[in-house]
């Protein structure tokens, strides 16, 4: 159980179960960010090819999706305490 001991010890609180919950939630955040980036990116590309107006809301959603994906990768670094940057999660909301 070496992996679970490492996860539990490097976690800020909650032990192994709390760390596993955080890992699952961050994975879902990454997955949803990729899905949003892909879906909005395809629609933005179609609008660009058609010469249609690009709505700023769609571009904003694309930027936030990219930032959310990068954030989950940074928070996935071992020994990075994500609670240090909890404010950034609020910015992404």
Protein backbone atom coordinates (compact mmCIF):
# COMPACT_ATOMS: atom_id res chain seq x y z
CA UNK A 1 0.00 0.00 0.00
CA UNK A 2 2.95 2.30 -0.60
CA UNK A 3 1.09 4.54 -3.05
CA UNK A 4 -1.81 5.11 -0.67
CA UNK A 5 0.59 5.87 2.18
CA UNK A 6 2.37 8.43 -0.01
CA UNK A 7 -0.94 10.04 -1.02
CA UNK A 8 -2.16 10.16 2.57
CA UNK A 9 1.11 11.56 3.93
CA UNK A 10 1.54 14.25 1.27
CA UNK A 11 -2.10 15.28 1.55
CA UNK A 12 -2.93 18.36 3.59
CA UNK A 13 -5.79 16.82 5.52
CA UNK A 14 -8.35 14.09 5.37
CA UNK A 15 -5.93 11.22 5.06
CA UNK A 16 -6.14 8.74 2.22
CA UNK A 17 -9.89 9.08 1.70
CA UNK A 18 -9.69 12.87 1.51
CA UNK A 19 -6.77 12.68 -0.91
CA UNK A 20 -8.60 10.22 -3.15
CA UNK A 21 -11.68 12.45 -3.20
CA UNK A 22 -9.53 15.44 -4.18
CA UNK A 23 -7.82 13.41 -6.92
CA UNK A 24 -11.16 12.32 -8.36
CA UNK A 25 -12.54 15.88 -8.25
CA UNK A 26 -9.42 17.33 -9.90
CA UNK A 27 -9.57 14.64 -12.58
CA UNK A 28 -13.20 15.53 -13.27
CA UNK A 29 -12.27 19.22 -13.38
CA UNK A 30 -9.58 18.42 -15.95
CA UNK A 31 -11.94 16.25 -17.98
CA UNK A 32 -14.69 18.89 -18.02
CA UNK A 33 -12.18 21.59 -18.96
CA UNK A 34 -11.04 19.54 -21.94
CA UNK A 35 -14.62 18.84 -23.02
CA UNK A 36 -15.59 22.51 -22.81
CA UNK A 37 -12.44 23.57 -24.65
CA UNK A 38 -13.09 21.04 -27.41
CA UNK A 39 -16.79 21.82 -27.85
CA UNK A 40 -16.40 25.59 -27.79
CA UNK A 41 -13.27 25.37 -29.93
CA UNK A 42 -15.10 23.48 -32.66
CA UNK A 43 -17.94 26.00 -32.67
CA UNK A 44 -15.52 28.93 -32.70
CA UNK A 45 -13.66 27.36 -35.63
CA UNK A 46 -16.93 26.91 -37.56
CA UNK A 47 -17.86 30.53 -36.88
CA UNK A 48 -14.43 31.69 -38.02
CA UNK A 49 -14.62 29.69 -41.25
CA UNK A 50 -18.10 31.04 -41.95
CA UNK A 51 -16.94 34.59 -41.31
CA UNK A 52 -19.54 34.96 -38.58
CA UNK A 53 -19.26 37.13 -35.51
CA UNK A 54 -17.33 35.51 -32.65
CA UNK A 55 -19.15 36.09 -29.38
CA UNK A 56 -16.89 37.21 -26.55
CA UNK A 57 -18.67 34.87 -24.14
CA UNK A 58 -17.48 31.88 -26.14
CA UNK A 59 -13.90 33.12 -26.19
CA UNK A 60 -14.07 33.75 -22.45
CA UNK A 61 -15.33 30.20 -21.87
CA UNK A 62 -12.44 28.88 -23.97
CA UNK A 63 -9.90 30.85 -21.92
CA UNK A 64 -11.38 29.72 -18.60
CA UNK A 65 -11.40 26.10 -19.79
CA UNK A 66 -7.71 26.37 -20.68
CA UNK A 67 -6.86 27.95 -17.33
CA UNK A 68 -8.81 25.26 -15.49
CA UNK A 69 -6.93 22.51 -17.33
CA UNK A 70 -3.56 24.08 -16.54
CA UNK A 71 -4.60 24.58 -12.92
CA UNK A 72 -5.41 20.90 -12.46
CA UNK A 73 -2.03 19.95 -13.89
CA UNK A 74 -0.25 22.32 -11.49
CA UNK A 75 -2.30 21.09 -8.54
CA UNK A 76 -1.41 17.53 -9.52
CA UNK A 77 2.28 18.12 -8.79
CA UNK A 78 3.28 16.12 -5.71
CA UNK A 79 3.85 18.21 -2.61
CA UNK A 80 1.93 21.18 -4.04
CA UNK A 81 -0.58 22.15 -1.40
CA UNK A 82 -3.56 23.33 -3.42
CA UNK A 83 -5.06 25.06 -0.40
CA UNK A 84 -2.29 27.65 -0.77
CA UNK A 85 -3.96 28.81 -3.95
CA UNK A 86 -7.62 28.30 -3.06
CA UNK A 87 -8.36 31.83 -4.24
CA UNK A 88 -7.44 30.82 -7.78
CA UNK A 89 -10.22 28.23 -7.73
CA UNK A 90 -12.64 31.00 -6.84
CA UNK A 91 -11.35 33.10 -9.74
CA UNK A 92 -12.09 30.23 -12.12
CA UNK A 93 -15.66 30.00 -10.88
